[in-house]
Amino acid sequence: MDILMILFTLFGGITLSAQSAVNGTFSRKAGTFETTLLTFLTGSMFLAILILFFGQGNLLAILEVPKWQLSAVFLGVLFLLFIVTAVPRIGVIATNITVIIGQLVIGVVIDNFGWFNSLVIPLDWKRSVALLFMIIALYFIYKGNKRSNEETNSQHF
């Protein structure tokens, strides 16, 4: 079953990158807020159908959770807004590696302190080195993007 979850997560990453590229391009024509709204409206309609056929039947249970957990809704909207804004400016790979670094940094903090009732996993030198390598990777990817853009722009003249 773990391999299935790994494959689902891998597929989720693939779809996220594809969505980032499409939304970034789409936002140039339609606008950042409009693209984000369309994405969430379409997603909401799709999820409504899934809930209708596969839901647990207690949609109002979302009102019984601690209010701070509802902040995830706003975090998701902000995430998509940032992605739609970043992709046209720095590209898909630079955007995605930056997202991954952000996720890893906050993940390390959450693990280290056990926030949100998570497993406590102290920050050690191995995790610190891994984060450093990710930041180095971002540097080289971003520099490669800038160089590629400069070459493309010089060929247009």
N, C-alpha and C. Protein backbone atom coordinates (compact mmCIF):
# COMPACT_ATOMS: atom_id res chain seq x y z
N MET A 1 0.82 -1.20 0.00
CA MET A 1 0.00 0.00 0.00
C MET A 1 0.87 1.26 0.00
N ASP A 2 2.05 1.19 0.63
CA ASP A 2 2.93 2.36 0.65
C ASP A 2 3.36 2.75 -0.75
N ILE A 3 3.62 1.76 -1.61
CA ILE A 3 4.05 2.07 -2.97
C ILE A 3 2.93 2.80 -3.72
N LEU A 4 1.70 2.45 -3.44
CA LEU A 4 0.57 3.13 -4.07
C LEU A 4 0.52 4.60 -3.64
N MET A 5 0.76 4.86 -2.35
CA MET A 5 0.77 6.24 -1.86
C MET A 5 1.93 7.03 -2.47
N ILE A 6 3.07 6.38 -2.63
CA ILE A 6 4.22 7.03 -3.26
C ILE A 6 3.88 7.38 -4.71
N LEU A 7 3.25 6.46 -5.42
CA LEU A 7 2.87 6.72 -6.81
C LEU A 7 1.83 7.83 -6.90
N PHE A 8 0.84 7.83 -5.99
CA PHE A 8 -0.15 8.91 -5.97
C PHE A 8 0.53 10.26 -5.74
N THR A 9 1.47 10.28 -4.80
CA THR A 9 2.18 11.53 -4.50
C THR A 9 3.03 11.97 -5.68
N LEU A 10 3.69 11.02 -6.33
CA LEU A 10 4.47 11.33 -7.52
C LEU A 10 3.58 11.91 -8.60
N PHE A 11 2.43 11.29 -8.82
CA PHE A 11 1.47 11.80 -9.81
C PHE A 11 0.98 13.19 -9.41
N GLY A 12 0.77 13.41 -8.11
CA GLY A 12 0.38 14.73 -7.63
C GLY A 12 1.43 15.78 -7.96
N GLY A 13 2.70 15.43 -7.78
CA GLY A 13 3.77 16.36 -8.14
C GLY A 13 3.81 16.66 -9.62
N ILE A 14 3.59 15.64 -10.43
CA ILE A 14 3.56 15.82 -11.89
C ILE A 14 2.42 16.75 -12.27
N THR A 15 1.24 16.50 -11.71
CA THR A 15 0.10 17.35 -12.05
C THR A 15 0.28 18.78 -11.53
N LEU A 16 0.94 18.94 -10.39
CA LEU A 16 1.19 20.27 -9.86
C LEU A 16 2.10 21.06 -10.79
N SER A 17 3.14 20.43 -11.30
CA SER A 17 4.03 21.12 -12.23
C SER A 17 3.32 21.48 -13.53
N ALA A 18 2.52 20.54 -14.03
CA ALA A 18 1.76 20.83 -15.25
C ALA A 18 0.77 21.97 -15.01
N GLN A 19 0.09 21.93 -13.87
CA GLN A 19 -0.86 22.99 -13.55
C GLN A 19 -0.15 24.34 -13.42
N SER A 20 1.02 24.33 -12.80
CA SER A 20 1.79 25.56 -12.64
C SER A 20 2.11 26.17 -14.00
N ALA A 21 2.56 25.34 -14.92
CA ALA A 21 2.92 25.82 -16.26
C ALA A 21 1.70 26.38 -16.99
N VAL A 22 0.61 25.63 -16.96
CA VAL A 22 -0.60 26.06 -17.66
C VAL A 22 -1.17 27.33 -17.03
N ASN A 23 -1.28 27.34 -15.70
CA ASN A 23 -1.83 28.53 -15.03
C ASN A 23 -0.95 29.75 -15.22
N GLY A 24 0.37 29.57 -15.21
CA GLY A 24 1.28 30.69 -15.42
C GLY A 24 1.08 31.31 -16.79
N THR A 25 0.94 30.48 -17.81
CA THR A 25 0.70 30.98 -19.16
C THR A 25 -0.69 31.60 -19.28
N PHE A 26 -1.67 30.91 -18.71
CA PHE A 26 -3.06 31.39 -18.75
C PHE A 26 -3.20 32.75 -18.06
N SER A 27 -2.46 32.95 -16.98
CA SER A 27 -2.59 34.20 -16.23
C SER A 27 -2.09 35.41 -17.01
N ARG A 28 -1.22 35.20 -17.98
CA ARG A 28 -0.75 36.32 -18.81
C ARG A 28 -1.89 36.93 -19.61
N LYS A 29 -2.84 36.10 -20.01
CA LYS A 29 -3.99 36.58 -20.79
C LYS A 29 -5.16 36.98 -19.90
N ALA A 30 -5.46 36.12 -18.91
CA ALA A 30 -6.67 36.33 -18.12
C ALA A 30 -6.43 37.12 -16.84
N GLY A 31 -5.21 37.11 -16.33
CA GLY A 31 -4.90 37.78 -15.07
C GLY A 31 -4.70 36.77 -13.95
N THR A 32 -3.92 37.17 -12.96
CA THR A 32 -3.57 36.28 -11.85
C THR A 32 -4.79 35.90 -11.02
N PHE A 33 -5.56 36.89 -10.61
CA PHE A 33 -6.72 36.60 -9.75
C PHE A 33 -7.79 35.81 -10.52
N GLU A 34 -7.98 36.15 -11.77
CA GLU A 34 -8.97 35.46 -12.58
C GLU A 34 -8.59 33.99 -12.78
N THR A 35 -7.31 33.73 -13.04
CA THR A 35 -6.83 32.37 -13.21
C THR A 35 -7.01 31.58 -11.92
N THR A 36 -6.66 32.19 -10.80
CA THR A 36 -6.79 31.52 -9.51
C THR A 36 -8.26 31.22 -9.21
N LEU A 37 -9.13 32.18 -9.48
CA LEU A 37 -10.56 31.97 -9.26
C LEU A 37 -11.09 30.83 -10.11
N LEU A 38 -10.73 30.81 -11.39
CA LEU A 38 -11.20 29.74 -12.27
C LEU A 38 -10.71 28.38 -11.78
N THR A 39 -9.47 28.33 -11.35
CA THR A 39 -8.91 27.07 -10.85
C THR A 39 -9.70 26.58 -9.65
N PHE A 40 -9.98 27.47 -8.71
CA PHE A 40 -10.70 27.05 -7.51
C PHE A 40 -12.17 26.76 -7.79
N LEU A 41 -12.80 27.52 -8.67
CA LEU A 41 -14.20 27.22 -9.01
C LEU A 41 -14.31 25.86 -9.68
N THR A 42 -13.43 25.60 -10.64
CA THR A 42 -13.44 24.31 -11.33
C THR A 42 -13.15 23.18 -10.35
N GLY A 43 -12.16 23.38 -9.49
CA GLY A 43 -11.84 22.38 -8.48
C GLY A 43 -12.99 22.14 -7.53
N SER A 44 -13.68 23.21 -7.15
CA SER A 44 -14.83 23.07 -6.24
C SER A 44 -15.95 22.27 -6.89
N MET A 45 -16.20 22.53 -8.17
CA MET A 45 -17.25 21.76 -8.87
C MET A 45 -16.86 20.28 -8.97
N PHE A 46 -15.60 20.01 -9.28
CA PHE A 46 -15.12 18.64 -9.36
C PHE A 46 -15.24 17.94 -8.01
N LEU A 47 -14.84 18.63 -6.94
CA LEU A 47 -14.93 18.04 -5.61
C LEU A 47 -16.38 17.85 -5.17
N ALA A 48 -17.28 18.75 -5.56
CA ALA A 48 -18.70 18.58 -5.23
C ALA A 48 -19.23 17.27 -5.82
N ILE A 49 -18.81 16.97 -7.04
CA ILE A 49 -19.24 15.71 -7.66
C ILE A 49 -18.66 14.52 -6.91
N LEU A 50 -17.37 14.61 -6.55
CA LEU A 50 -16.75 13.52 -5.79
C LEU A 50 -17.44 13.32 -4.44
N ILE A 51 -17.77 14.42 -3.77
CA ILE A 51 -18.45 14.33 -2.48
C ILE A 51 -19.83 13.69 -2.65
N LEU A 52 -20.51 14.07 -3.71
CA LEU A 52 -21.84 13.52 -3.98
C LEU A 52 -21.81 12.00 -4.09
N PHE A 53 -20.81 11.48 -4.78
CA PHE A 53 -20.75 10.03 -5.02
C PHE A 53 -19.90 9.26 -4.00
N PHE A 54 -18.87 9.92 -3.45
CA PHE A 54 -17.94 9.18 -2.60
C PHE A 54 -17.77 9.78 -1.20
N GLY A 55 -18.45 10.88 -0.92
CA GLY A 55 -18.29 11.54 0.38
C GLY A 55 -18.85 10.72 1.53
N GLN A 56 -18.48 11.13 2.73
CA GLN A 56 -18.92 10.42 3.93
C GLN A 56 -20.29 10.88 4.41
N GLY A 57 -20.87 11.86 3.75
CA GLY A 57 -22.22 12.26 4.06
C GLY A 57 -22.37 13.28 5.18
N ASN A 58 -21.28 13.84 5.65
CA ASN A 58 -21.37 14.79 6.75
C ASN A 58 -20.55 16.03 6.44
N LEU A 59 -20.97 16.78 5.44
CA LEU A 59 -20.25 17.97 5.00
C LEU A 59 -20.19 19.04 6.10
N LEU A 60 -21.22 19.11 6.93
CA LEU A 60 -21.24 20.13 7.98
C LEU A 60 -20.26 19.83 9.11
N ALA A 61 -19.65 18.65 9.09
CA ALA A 61 -18.64 18.31 10.11
C ALA A 61 -17.43 19.25 10.02
N ILE A 62 -17.25 19.90 8.87
CA ILE A 62 -16.13 20.83 8.75
C ILE A 62 -16.29 22.02 9.70
N LEU A 63 -17.51 22.26 10.13
CA LEU A 63 -17.75 23.36 11.08
C LEU A 63 -17.42 22.97 12.51
N GLU A 64 -17.17 21.69 12.75
CA GLU A 64 -16.88 21.21 14.10
C GLU A 64 -15.39 21.13 14.40
N VAL A 65 -14.55 21.36 13.40
CA VAL A 65 -13.10 21.29 13.62
C VAL A 65 -12.64 22.57 14.30
N PRO A 66 -11.50 22.54 14.97
CA PRO A 66 -10.96 23.78 15.54
C PRO A 66 -10.78 24.84 14.44
N LYS A 67 -11.15 26.05 14.76
CA LYS A 67 -11.17 27.13 13.75
C LYS A 67 -9.81 27.36 13.10
N TRP A 68 -8.71 27.16 13.82
CA TRP A 68 -7.40 27.39 13.24
C TRP A 68 -7.13 26.43 12.08
N GLN A 69 -7.77 25.27 12.07
CA GLN A 69 -7.56 24.31 10.99
C GLN A 69 -8.20 24.79 9.69
N LEU A 70 -9.16 25.67 9.79
CA LEU A 70 -9.78 26.22 8.59
C LEU A 70 -8.84 27.19 7.85
N SER A 71 -7.75 27.57 8.49
CA SER A 71 -6.78 28.46 7.83
C SER A 71 -6.16 27.79 6.61
N ALA A 72 -6.22 26.48 6.54
CA ALA A 72 -5.67 25.77 5.39
C ALA A 72 -6.31 26.24 4.09
N VAL A 73 -7.58 26.65 4.16
CA VAL A 73 -8.28 27.15 2.97
C VAL A 73 -7.56 28.38 2.43
N PHE A 74 -7.24 29.32 3.29
CA PHE A 74 -6.57 30.54 2.85
C PHE A 74 -5.13 30.28 2.42
N LEU A 75 -4.49 29.34 3.09
CA LEU A 75 -3.12 28.99 2.71
C LEU A 75 -3.08 28.41 1.30
N GLY A 76 -4.08 27.60 0.96
CA GLY A 76 -4.16 27.03 -0.38
C GLY A 76 -4.36 28.10 -1.45
N VAL A 77 -5.21 29.08 -1.15
CA VAL A 77 -5.45 30.18 -2.09
C VAL A 77 -4.17 30.99 -2.28
N LEU A 78 -3.51 31.31 -1.17
CA LEU A 78 -2.25 32.07 -1.27
C LEU A 78 -1.21 31.30 -2.07
N PHE A 79 -1.12 30.00 -1.81
CA PHE A 79 -0.16 29.16 -2.54
C PHE A 79 -0.40 29.27 -4.05
N LEU A 80 -1.63 29.10 -4.46
CA LEU A 80 -1.92 29.14 -5.89
C LEU A 80 -1.67 30.53 -6.47
N LEU A 81 -2.02 31.57 -5.73
CA LEU A 81 -1.74 32.94 -6.20
C LEU A 81 -0.24 33.15 -6.40
N PHE A 82 0.55 32.69 -5.45
CA PHE A 82 2.01 32.85 -5.56
C PHE A 82 2.55 32.08 -6.76
N ILE A 83 2.05 30.86 -6.97
CA ILE A 83 2.52 30.04 -8.09
C ILE A 83 2.16 30.70 -9.42
N VAL A 84 0.93 31.14 -9.55
CA VAL A 84 0.48 31.76 -10.79
C VAL A 84 1.28 33.03 -11.08
N THR A 85 1.68 33.72 -10.04
CA THR A 85 2.47 34.94 -10.21
C THR A 85 3.93 34.62 -10.55
N ALA A 86 4.48 33.59 -9.94
CA ALA A 86 5.91 33.30 -10.09
C ALA A 86 6.27 32.63 -11.41
N VAL A 87 5.47 31.69 -11.87
CA VAL A 87 5.84 30.88 -13.03
C VAL A 87 6.17 31.74 -14.27
N PRO A 88 5.35 32.73 -14.62
CA PRO A 88 5.70 33.52 -15.81
C PRO A 88 7.00 34.33 -15.64
N ARG A 89 7.41 34.56 -14.42
CA ARG A 89 8.59 35.39 -14.19
C ARG A 89 9.89 34.60 -14.01
N ILE A 90 9.80 33.44 -13.33
CA ILE A 90 11.04 32.69 -13.08
C ILE A 90 11.00 31.27 -13.64
N GLY A 91 9.89 30.86 -14.23
CA GLY A 91 9.80 29.54 -14.85
C GLY A 91 9.25 28.48 -13.90
N VAL A 92 8.89 27.35 -14.50
CA VAL A 92 8.25 26.27 -13.74
C VAL A 92 9.23 25.61 -12.78
N ILE A 93 10.43 25.26 -13.25
CA ILE A 93 11.36 24.53 -12.40
C ILE A 93 11.85 25.39 -11.23
N ALA A 94 12.16 26.65 -11.48
CA ALA A 94 12.60 27.52 -10.38
C ALA A 94 11.46 27.73 -9.37
N THR A 95 10.25 27.88 -9.88
CA THR A 95 9.10 28.03 -8.98
C THR A 95 8.92 26.77 -8.13
N ASN A 96 8.96 25.61 -8.78
CA ASN A 96 8.72 24.36 -8.06
C ASN A 96 9.82 24.04 -7.06
N ILE A 97 11.06 24.29 -7.41
CA ILE A 97 12.14 24.00 -6.44
C ILE A 97 12.05 24.96 -5.27
N THR A 98 11.63 26.20 -5.54
CA THR A 98 11.45 27.15 -4.45
C THR A 98 10.32 26.70 -3.53
N VAL A 99 9.24 26.20 -4.11
CA VAL A 99 8.13 25.66 -3.32
C VAL A 99 8.62 24.49 -2.46
N ILE A 100 9.40 23.60 -3.06
CA ILE A 100 9.90 22.44 -2.33
C ILE A 100 10.79 22.87 -1.17
N ILE A 101 11.65 23.86 -1.42
CA ILE A 101 12.52 24.35 -0.34
C ILE A 101 11.67 24.94 0.78
N GLY A 102 10.66 25.72 0.41
CA GLY A 102 9.76 26.27 1.44
C GLY A 102 9.07 25.18 2.23
N GLN A 103 8.62 24.14 1.54
CA GLN A 103 7.97 23.03 2.22
C GLN A 103 8.94 22.30 3.15
N LEU A 104 10.15 22.11 2.68
CA LEU A 104 11.14 21.42 3.51
C LEU A 104 11.54 22.23 4.73
N VAL A 105 11.71 23.53 4.54
CA VAL A 105 12.11 24.38 5.67
C VAL A 105 11.02 24.36 6.75
N ILE A 106 9.78 24.60 6.36
CA ILE A 106 8.72 24.61 7.37
C ILE A 106 8.49 23.19 7.91
N GLY A 107 8.70 22.17 7.07
CA GLY A 107 8.59 20.79 7.54
C GLY A 107 9.61 20.46 8.61
N VAL A 108 10.84 20.93 8.41
CA VAL A 108 11.89 20.71 9.42
C VAL A 108 11.53 21.42 10.72
N VAL A 109 11.01 22.63 10.62
CA VAL A 109 10.61 23.37 11.82
C VAL A 109 9.46 22.65 12.54
N ILE A 110 8.45 22.23 11.76
CA ILE A 110 7.31 21.52 12.35
C ILE A 110 7.78 20.22 13.01
N ASP A 111 8.63 19.47 12.30
CA ASP A 111 9.15 18.22 12.89
C ASP A 111 9.96 18.49 14.15
N ASN A 112 10.81 19.49 14.10
CA ASN A 112 11.70 19.78 15.22
C ASN A 112 10.92 20.12 16.49
N PHE A 113 9.86 20.89 16.34
CA PHE A 113 9.09 21.33 17.51
C PHE A 113 7.82 20.51 17.75
N GLY A 114 7.48 19.61 16.83
CA GLY A 114 6.28 18.79 16.99
C GLY A 114 4.99 19.58 16.89
N TRP A 115 5.02 20.67 16.12
CA TRP A 115 3.81 21.49 15.96
C TRP A 115 2.69 20.66 15.33
N PHE A 116 1.46 21.05 15.59
CA PHE A 116 0.25 20.43 15.05
C PHE A 116 0.17 18.94 15.40
N ASN A 117 0.70 18.59 16.57
CA ASN A 117 0.67 17.21 17.07
C ASN A 117 1.42 16.24 16.16
N SER A 118 2.46 16.72 15.49
CA SER A 118 3.24 15.85 14.61
C SER A 118 4.35 15.16 15.38
N LEU A 119 4.93 14.17 14.77
CA LEU A 119 6.05 13.44 15.33
C LEU A 119 7.23 14.39 15.50
N VAL A 120 7.91 14.34 16.63
CA VAL A 120 9.07 15.19 16.87
C VAL A 120 10.31 14.50 16.29
N ILE A 121 10.92 15.18 15.31
CA ILE A 121 12.16 14.70 14.70
C ILE A 121 13.13 15.87 14.74
N PRO A 122 14.12 15.81 15.64
CA PRO A 122 15.02 16.96 15.81
C PRO A 122 15.81 17.29 14.54
N LEU A 123 16.10 18.56 14.37
CA LEU A 123 16.94 19.03 13.27
C LEU A 123 18.37 18.59 13.56
N ASP A 124 18.97 17.87 12.62
CA ASP A 124 20.35 17.45 12.79
C ASP A 124 21.18 17.95 11.60
N TRP A 125 22.46 17.64 11.61
CA TRP A 125 23.34 18.15 10.57
C TRP A 125 22.99 17.57 9.20
N LYS A 126 22.47 16.34 9.15
CA LYS A 126 22.12 15.72 7.86
C LYS A 126 20.97 16.48 7.20
N ARG A 127 19.97 16.82 7.98
CA ARG A 127 18.84 17.59 7.43
C ARG A 127 19.28 18.99 7.03
N SER A 128 20.16 19.58 7.82
CA SER A 128 20.67 20.92 7.49
C SER A 128 21.45 20.90 6.18
N VAL A 129 22.29 19.88 5.98
CA VAL A 129 23.06 19.76 4.75
C VAL A 129 22.12 19.53 3.56
N ALA A 130 21.08 18.72 3.75
CA ALA A 130 20.12 18.48 2.68
C ALA A 130 19.45 19.79 2.25
N LEU A 131 19.05 20.62 3.22
CA LEU A 131 18.45 21.91 2.89
C LEU A 131 19.45 22.81 2.17
N LEU A 132 20.69 22.79 2.60
CA LEU A 132 21.72 23.59 1.94
C LEU A 132 21.88 23.17 0.48
N PHE A 133 21.87 21.86 0.22
CA PHE A 133 21.98 21.38 -1.16
C PHE A 133 20.78 21.82 -2.01
N MET A 134 19.61 21.84 -1.41
CA MET A 134 18.43 22.31 -2.14
C MET A 134 18.57 23.79 -2.50
N ILE A 135 19.08 24.58 -1.58
CA ILE A 135 19.28 26.01 -1.84
C ILE A 135 20.34 26.20 -2.93
N ILE A 136 21.39 25.40 -2.89
CA ILE A 136 22.41 25.46 -3.94
C ILE A 136 21.81 25.07 -5.29
N ALA A 137 20.97 24.05 -5.30
CA ALA A 137 20.29 23.65 -6.54
C ALA A 137 19.43 24.78 -7.08
N LEU A 138 18.69 25.46 -6.20
CA LEU A 138 17.88 26.59 -6.63
C LEU A 138 18.75 27.67 -7.26
N TYR A 139 19.88 27.96 -6.65
CA TYR A 139 20.79 28.98 -7.17
C TYR A 139 21.19 28.64 -8.62
N PHE A 140 21.62 27.40 -8.84
CA PHE A 140 22.06 27.02 -10.18
C PHE A 140 20.91 26.98 -11.18
N ILE A 141 19.75 26.52 -10.75
CA ILE A 141 18.59 26.50 -11.63
C ILE A 141 18.19 27.92 -12.01
N TYR A 142 18.13 28.80 -11.03
CA TYR A 142 17.75 30.19 -11.29
C TYR A 142 18.77 30.87 -12.20
N LYS A 143 20.05 30.67 -11.94
CA LYS A 143 21.10 31.25 -12.79
C LYS A 143 21.00 30.70 -14.20
N GLY A 144 20.71 29.41 -14.34
CA GLY A 144 20.53 28.82 -15.67
C GLY A 144 19.34 29.43 -16.39
N ASN A 145 18.26 29.70 -15.66
CA ASN A 145 17.10 30.35 -16.26
C ASN A 145 17.44 31.74 -16.76
N LYS A 146 18.16 32.51 -15.94
CA LYS A 146 18.52 33.87 -16.34
C LYS A 146 19.41 33.86 -17.58
N ARG A 147 20.37 32.94 -17.62
CA ARG A 147 21.28 32.84 -18.76
C ARG A 147 20.49 32.47 -20.01
N SER A 148 19.57 31.52 -19.88
CA SER A 148 18.76 31.09 -21.01
C SER A 148 17.88 32.23 -21.52
N ASN A 149 17.31 33.01 -20.60
CA ASN A 149 16.50 34.16 -20.98
C ASN A 149 17.31 35.22 -21.69
N GLU A 150 18.52 35.47 -21.21
CA GLU A 150 19.39 36.46 -21.84
C GLU A 150 19.77 36.02 -23.25
N GLU A 151 20.06 34.73 -23.45
CA GLU A 151 20.39 34.21 -24.77
C GLU A 151 19.19 34.32 -25.70
N THR A 152 18.02 34.00 -25.21
CA THR A 152 16.79 34.10 -26.01
C THR A 152 16.53 35.55 -26.41
N ASN A 153 16.67 36.47 -25.46
CA ASN A 153 16.43 37.88 -25.75
C ASN A 153 17.45 38.44 -26.74
N SER A 154 18.71 38.00 -26.67
CA SER A 154 19.74 38.52 -27.59
C SER A 154 19.50 37.99 -28.99
N GLN A 155 18.87 36.82 -29.15
CA GLN A 155 18.61 36.28 -30.47
C GLN A 155 17.45 36.99 -31.16
N HIS A 156 16.63 37.69 -30.42
CA HIS A 156 15.48 38.40 -30.99
C HIS A 156 15.88 39.73 -31.62
N PHE A 157 17.11 40.19 -31.37
CA PHE A 157 17.52 41.49 -31.90
C PHE A 157 18.38 41.35 -33.11
